[in-house]
Structure formats: C-alpha cells, structure tokens
PDB file of all heavy atoms in Angstrom:
ATOM      1  N   GLN A   1      92.312 117.243  91.845  1.00  0.00           N
ATOM      2  CA  GLN A   1      91.611 118.451  91.403  1.00  0.00           C
ATOM      3  C   GLN A   1      92.586 119.475  90.835  1.00  0.00           C
ATOM      4  O   GLN A   1      92.333 120.092  89.799  1.00  0.00           O
ATOM      5  CB  GLN A   1      90.832 119.077  92.563  1.00  0.00           C
ATOM      6  CG  GLN A   1      90.123 120.388  92.173  1.00  0.00           C
ATOM      7  CD  GLN A   1      89.340 121.005  93.308  1.00  0.00           C
ATOM      8  OE1 GLN A   1      88.766 120.283  94.120  1.00  0.00           O
ATOM      9  NE2 GLN A   1      89.310 122.340  93.354  1.00  0.00           N
ATOM     10  N   ILE A   2      93.718 119.668  91.507  1.00  0.00           N
ATOM     11  CA  ILE A   2      94.709 120.645  91.041  1.00  0.00           C
ATOM     12  C   ILE A   2      95.242 120.241  89.669  1.00  0.00           C
ATOM     13  O   ILE A   2      95.324 121.061  88.741  1.00  0.00           O
ATOM     14  CB  ILE A   2      95.855 120.766  92.062  1.00  0.00           C
ATOM     15  CG1 ILE A   2      95.329 121.358  93.373  1.00  0.00           C
ATOM     16  CG2 ILE A   2      96.988 121.618  91.510  1.00  0.00           C
ATOM     17  CD1 ILE A   2      96.315 121.325  94.515  1.00  0.00           C
ATOM     18  N   ILE A   3      95.589 118.969  89.525  1.00  0.00           N
ATOM     19  CA  ILE A   3      96.140 118.480  88.254  1.00  0.00           C
ATOM     20  C   ILE A   3      95.129 118.611  87.133  1.00  0.00           C
ATOM     21  O   ILE A   3      95.444 119.128  86.043  1.00  0.00           O
ATOM     22  CB  ILE A   3      96.611 117.018  88.411  1.00  0.00           C
ATOM     23  CG1 ILE A   3      97.790 116.934  89.371  1.00  0.00           C
ATOM     24  CG2 ILE A   3      96.986 116.425  87.050  1.00  0.00           C
ATOM     25  CD1 ILE A   3      98.103 115.520  89.832  1.00  0.00           C
ATOM     26  N   SER A   4      93.901 118.184  87.368  1.00  0.00           N
ATOM     27  CA  SER A   4      92.891 118.232  86.309  1.00  0.00           C
ATOM     28  C   SER A   4      92.534 119.666  85.950  1.00  0.00           C
ATOM     29  O   SER A   4      92.268 119.977  84.783  1.00  0.00           O
ATOM     30  CB  SER A   4      91.633 117.467  86.742  1.00  0.00           C
ATOM     31  OG  SER A   4      91.046 118.054  87.893  1.00  0.00           O
ATOM     32  N   SER A   5      92.541 120.570  86.926  1.00  0.00           N
ATOM     33  CA  SER A   5      92.238 121.979  86.658  1.00  0.00           C
ATOM     34  C   SER A   5      93.275 122.594  85.729  1.00  0.00           C
ATOM     35  O   SER A   5      92.946 123.338  84.795  1.00  0.00           O
ATOM     36  CB  SER A   5      92.178 122.770  87.970  1.00  0.00           C
ATOM     37  OG  SER A   5      91.118 122.328  88.787  1.00  0.00           O
ATOM     38  N   VAL A   6      94.546 122.306  85.980  1.00  0.00           N
ATOM     39  CA  VAL A   6      95.610 122.843  85.135  1.00  0.00           C
ATOM     40  C   VAL A   6      95.539 122.234  83.736  1.00  0.00           C
ATOM     41  O   VAL A   6      95.624 122.948  82.718  1.00  0.00           O
ATOM     42  CB  VAL A   6      96.993 122.590  85.772  1.00  0.00           C
ATOM     43  CG1 VAL A   6      98.109 122.999  84.809  1.00  0.00           C
ATOM     44  CG2 VAL A   6      97.121 123.362  87.087  1.00  0.00           C
ATOM     45  N   LYS A   7      95.367 120.913  83.648  1.00  0.00           N
ATOM     46  CA  LYS A   7      95.287 120.256  82.339  1.00  0.00           C
ATOM     47  C   LYS A   7      94.131 120.826  81.515  1.00  0.00           C
ATOM     48  O   LYS A   7      94.266 121.085  80.316  1.00  0.00           O
ATOM     49  CB  LYS A   7      95.090 118.751  82.519  1.00  0.00           C
ATOM     50  CG  LYS A   7      96.309 117.992  83.004  1.00  0.00           C
ATOM     51  CD  LYS A   7      95.978 116.504  83.104  1.00  0.00           C
ATOM     52  CE  LYS A   7      97.176 115.683  83.533  1.00  0.00           C
ATOM     53  NZ  LYS A   7      96.845 114.242  83.632  1.00  0.00           N
ATOM     54  N   ARG A   8      92.997 121.005  82.161  1.00  0.00           N
ATOM     55  CA  ARG A   8      91.801 121.453  81.461  1.00  0.00           C
ATOM     56  C   ARG A   8      91.942 122.894  80.957  1.00  0.00           C
ATOM     57  O   ARG A   8      91.433 123.252  79.895  1.00  0.00           O
ATOM     58  CB  ARG A   8      90.595 121.341  82.391  1.00  0.00           C
ATOM     59  CG  ARG A   8      89.259 121.676  81.737  1.00  0.00           C
ATOM     60  CD  ARG A   8      88.103 121.335  82.654  1.00  0.00           C
ATOM     61  NE  ARG A   8      88.194 122.003  83.950  1.00  0.00           N
ATOM     62  CZ  ARG A   8      88.475 121.356  85.084  1.00  0.00           C
ATOM     63  NH1 ARG A   8      88.717 120.054  85.073  1.00  0.00           N
ATOM     64  NH2 ARG A   8      88.523 122.031  86.223  1.00  0.00           N
ATOM     65  N   ALA A   9      92.661 123.727  81.716  1.00  0.00           N
ATOM     66  CA  ALA A   9      92.701 125.157  81.389  1.00  0.00           C
ATOM     67  C   ALA A   9      93.837 125.545  80.456  1.00  0.00           C
ATOM     68  O   ALA A   9      93.773 126.585  79.798  1.00  0.00           O
ATOM     69  CB  ALA A   9      92.805 125.974  82.679  1.00  0.00           C
ATOM     70  N   CYS A  10      94.884 124.727  80.371  1.00  0.00           N
ATOM     71  CA  CYS A  10      96.020 125.091  79.508  1.00  0.00           C
ATOM     72  C   CYS A  10      95.632 124.969  78.036  1.00  0.00           C
ATOM     73  O   CYS A  10      94.888 124.068  77.632  1.00  0.00           O
ATOM     74  CB  CYS A  10      97.224 124.199  79.794  1.00  0.00           C
ATOM     75  SG  CYS A  10      98.134 124.677  81.277  1.00  0.00           S
ATOM     76  N   SER A  11      96.137 125.869  77.227  1.00  0.00           N
ATOM     77  CA  SER A  11      95.833 125.872  75.792  1.00  0.00           C
ATOM     78  C   SER A  11      96.949 126.585  75.047  1.00  0.00           C
ATOM     79  O   SER A  11      97.554 127.532  75.568  1.00  0.00           O
ATOM     80  CB  SER A  11      94.505 126.583  75.535  1.00  0.00           C
ATOM     81  OG  SER A  11      94.341 126.860  74.162  1.00  0.00           O
ATOM     82  N   GLU A  12      97.192 126.162  73.812  1.00  0.00           N
ATOM     83  CA  GLU A  12      98.222 126.833  73.018  1.00  0.00           C
ATOM     84  C   GLU A  12      97.750 128.189  72.518  1.00  0.00           C
ATOM     85  O   GLU A  12      98.533 128.953  71.959  1.00  0.00           O
ATOM     86  CB  GLU A  12      98.628 125.952  71.834  1.00  0.00           C
ATOM     87  CG  GLU A  12      97.528 125.715  70.819  1.00  0.00           C
ATOM     88  CD  GLU A  12      97.984 124.837  69.666  1.00  0.00           C
ATOM     89  OE1 GLU A  12      98.987 124.125  69.824  1.00  0.00           O
ATOM     90  OE2 GLU A  12      97.341 124.888  68.614  1.00  0.00           O
ATOM     91  N   ASN A  13      96.478 128.500  72.720  1.00  0.00           N
ATOM     92  CA  ASN A  13      95.937 129.775  72.253  1.00  0.00           C
ATOM     93  C   ASN A  13      95.861 130.827  73.362  1.00  0.00           C
ATOM     94  O   ASN A  13      95.102 131.789  73.263  1.00  0.00           O
ATOM     95  CB  ASN A  13      94.546 129.558  71.639  1.00  0.00           C
ATOM     96  CG  ASN A  13      94.614 128.747  70.365  1.00  0.00           C
ATOM     97  OD1 ASN A  13      95.497 128.952  69.538  1.00  0.00           O
ATOM     98  ND2 ASN A  13      93.698 127.804  70.218  1.00  0.00           N
ATOM     99  N   GLN A  14      96.614 130.642  74.412  1.00  0.00           N
ATOM    100  CA  GLN A  14      96.691 131.636  75.468  1.00  0.00           C
ATOM    101  C   GLN A  14      98.108 131.596  76.053  1.00  0.00           C
ATOM    102  O   GLN A  14      98.956 130.824  75.599  1.00  0.00           O
ATOM    103  CB  GLN A  14      95.655 131.367  76.552  1.00  0.00           C
ATOM    104  CG  GLN A  14      95.831 130.025  77.250  1.00  0.00           C
ATOM    105  CD  GLN A  14      94.719 129.732  78.229  1.00  0.00           C
ATOM    106  OE1 GLN A  14      93.638 130.295  78.149  1.00  0.00           O
ATOM    107  NE2 GLN A  14      94.984 128.849  79.175  1.00  0.00           N
ATOM    108  N   TYR A  15      98.346 132.439  77.045  1.00  0.00           N
ATOM    109  CA  TYR A  15      99.704 132.533  77.580  1.00  0.00           C
ATOM    110  C   TYR A  15      99.985 131.532  78.683  1.00  0.00           C
ATOM    111  O   TYR A  15     101.126 131.337  79.066  1.00  0.00           O
ATOM    112  CB  TYR A  15      99.975 133.959  78.075  1.00  0.00           C
ATOM    113  CG  TYR A  15     100.007 134.958  76.941  1.00  0.00           C
ATOM    114  CD1 TYR A  15      99.212 136.093  76.966  1.00  0.00           C
ATOM    115  CD2 TYR A  15     100.811 134.735  75.828  1.00  0.00           C
ATOM    116  CE1 TYR A  15      99.237 137.001  75.914  1.00  0.00           C
ATOM    117  CE2 TYR A  15     100.836 135.633  74.772  1.00  0.00           C
ATOM    118  CZ  TYR A  15     100.045 136.769  74.822  1.00  0.00           C
ATOM    119  OH  TYR A  15     100.053 137.646  73.779  1.00  0.00           O
ATOM    120  N   ASN A  16      98.969 130.886  79.231  1.00  0.00           N
ATOM    121  CA  ASN A  16      99.148 129.819  80.223  1.00  0.00           C
ATOM    122  C   ASN A  16      99.941 130.272  81.446  1.00  0.00           C
ATOM    123  O   ASN A  16     100.950 129.665  81.824  1.00  0.00           O
ATOM    124  CB  ASN A  16      99.821 128.601  79.582  1.00  0.00           C
ATOM    125  CG  ASN A  16      98.967 128.006  78.473  1.00  0.00           C
ATOM    126  OD1 ASN A  16      97.778 127.782  78.645  1.00  0.00           O
ATOM    127  ND2 ASN A  16      99.590 127.780  77.326  1.00  0.00           N
ATOM    128  N   ILE A  17      99.493 131.381  82.025  1.00  0.00           N
ATOM    129  CA  ILE A  17     100.067 131.840  83.282  1.00  0.00           C
ATOM    130  C   ILE A  17      99.250 131.191  84.396  1.00  0.00           C
ATOM    131  O   ILE A  17      98.074 131.499  84.594  1.00  0.00           O
ATOM    132  CB  ILE A  17     100.044 133.373  83.378  1.00  0.00           C
ATOM    133  CG1 ILE A  17     100.919 133.959  82.247  1.00  0.00           C
ATOM    134  CG2 ILE A  17     100.542 133.844  84.746  1.00  0.00           C
ATOM    135  CD1 ILE A  17     100.913 135.463  82.165  1.00  0.00           C
ATOM    136  N   VAL A  18      99.880 130.248  85.081  1.00  0.00           N
ATOM    137  CA  VAL A  18      99.180 129.368  86.006  1.00  0.00           C
ATOM    138  C   VAL A  18      99.233 129.922  87.429  1.00  0.00           C
ATOM    139  O   VAL A  18     100.314 130.207  87.957  1.00  0.00           O
ATOM    140  CB  VAL A  18      99.794 127.948  85.986  1.00  0.00           C
ATOM    141  CG1 VAL A  18      98.990 127.011  86.891  1.00  0.00           C
ATOM    142  CG2 VAL A  18      99.837 127.403  84.557  1.00  0.00           C
ATOM    143  N   LEU A  19      98.051 130.065  88.042  1.00  0.00           N
ATOM    144  CA  LEU A  19      97.970 130.516  89.427  1.00  0.00           C
ATOM    145  C   LEU A  19      98.088 129.318  90.368  1.00  0.00           C
ATOM    146  O   LEU A  19      97.264 128.406  90.346  1.00  0.00           O
ATOM    147  CB  LEU A  19      96.646 131.229  89.688  1.00  0.00           C
ATOM    148  CG  LEU A  19      96.378 131.637  91.134  1.00  0.00           C
ATOM    149  CD1 LEU A  19      97.396 132.679  91.600  1.00  0.00           C
ATOM    150  CD2 LEU A  19      94.951 132.145  91.310  1.00  0.00           C
ATOM    151  N   MET A  20      99.132 129.341  91.200  1.00  0.00           N
ATOM    152  CA  MET A  20      99.329 128.322  92.228  1.00  0.00           C
ATOM    153  C   MET A  20      99.813 129.028  93.487  1.00  0.00           C
ATOM    154  O   MET A  20     100.071 130.239  93.470  1.00  0.00           O
ATOM    155  CB  MET A  20     100.351 127.271  91.760  1.00  0.00           C
ATOM    156  CG  MET A  20     100.018 126.655  90.415  1.00  0.00           C
ATOM    157  SD  MET A  20     101.256 125.467  89.817  1.00  0.00           S
ATOM    158  CE  MET A  20     100.616 123.976  90.585  1.00  0.00           C
ATOM    159  N   HIS A  21      99.936 128.261  94.584  1.00  0.00           N
ATOM    160  CA  HIS A  21     100.352 128.851  95.853  1.00  0.00           C
ATOM    161  C   HIS A  21     101.365 127.949  96.546  1.00  0.00           C
ATOM    162  O   HIS A  21     101.326 126.721  96.371  1.00  0.00           O
ATOM    163  CB  HIS A  21      99.145 129.075  96.767  1.00  0.00           C
ATOM    164  CG  HIS A  21      98.167 130.069  96.220  1.00  0.00           C
ATOM    165  ND1 HIS A  21      97.272 129.756  95.215  1.00  0.00           N
ATOM    166  CD2 HIS A  21      97.953 131.374  96.529  1.00  0.00           C
ATOM    167  CE1 HIS A  21      96.544 130.822  94.932  1.00  0.00           C
ATOM    168  NE2 HIS A  21      96.941 131.820  95.715  1.00  0.00           N
ATOM    169  N   ASP A  22     102.270 128.580  97.316  1.00  0.00           N
ATOM    170  CA  ASP A  22     103.270 127.782  98.047  1.00  0.00           C
ATOM    171  C   ASP A  22     103.338 128.175  99.519  1.00  0.00           C
ATOM    172  O   ASP A  22     104.397 128.118 100.147  1.00  0.00           O
ATOM    173  CB  ASP A  22     104.653 127.887  97.394  1.00  0.00           C
ATOM    174  CG  ASP A  22     105.215 129.309  97.401  1.00  0.00           C
ATOM    175  OD1 ASP A  22     104.424 130.271  97.367  1.00  0.00           O
ATOM    176  OD2 ASP A  22     106.450 129.466  97.420  1.00  0.00           O
ATOM    177  N   SER A  23     102.188 128.559 100.075  1.00  0.00           N
ATOM    178  CA  SER A  23     102.131 128.806 101.515  1.00  0.00           C
ATOM    179  C   SER A  23     102.066 127.471 102.243  1.00  0.00           C
ATOM    180  O   SER A  23     101.923 126.404 101.630  1.00  0.00           O
ATOM    181  CB  SER A  23     100.904 129.661 101.859  1.00  0.00           C
ATOM    182  OG  SER A  23      99.723 129.010 101.443  1.00  0.00           O
ATOM    183  N   ASP A  24     102.160 127.512 103.566  1.00  0.00           N
ATOM    184  CA  ASP A  24     102.220 126.273 104.356  1.00  0.00           C
ATOM    185  C   ASP A  24     101.013 125.372 104.136  1.00  0.00           C
ATOM    186  O   ASP A  24     101.126 124.143 104.216  1.00  0.00           O
ATOM    187  CB  ASP A  24     102.332 126.614 105.848  1.00  0.00           C
ATOM    188  CG  ASP A  24     103.721 127.128 106.221  1.00  0.00           C
ATOM    189  OD1 ASP A  24     104.689 126.753 105.525  1.00  0.00           O
ATOM    190  OD2 ASP A  24     103.828 127.907 107.176  1.00  0.00           O
TER     191      ASP A  24
END
C-alpha cells in the first residue's frame, strides 16, 4: 500500500514532497 500510494501520487507537475513516518 505504501509503495503504490507513492507511485500513484508522484508527478513531474508537482513538487513531490512525500509524507512518511519513522516512529517505532
């Protein structure tokens, strides 16, 4: 789900600031 969400949302027509988390 995480991988497909990022692939689907990235585009060359935006800045592609990706929200992720690194908590436990």
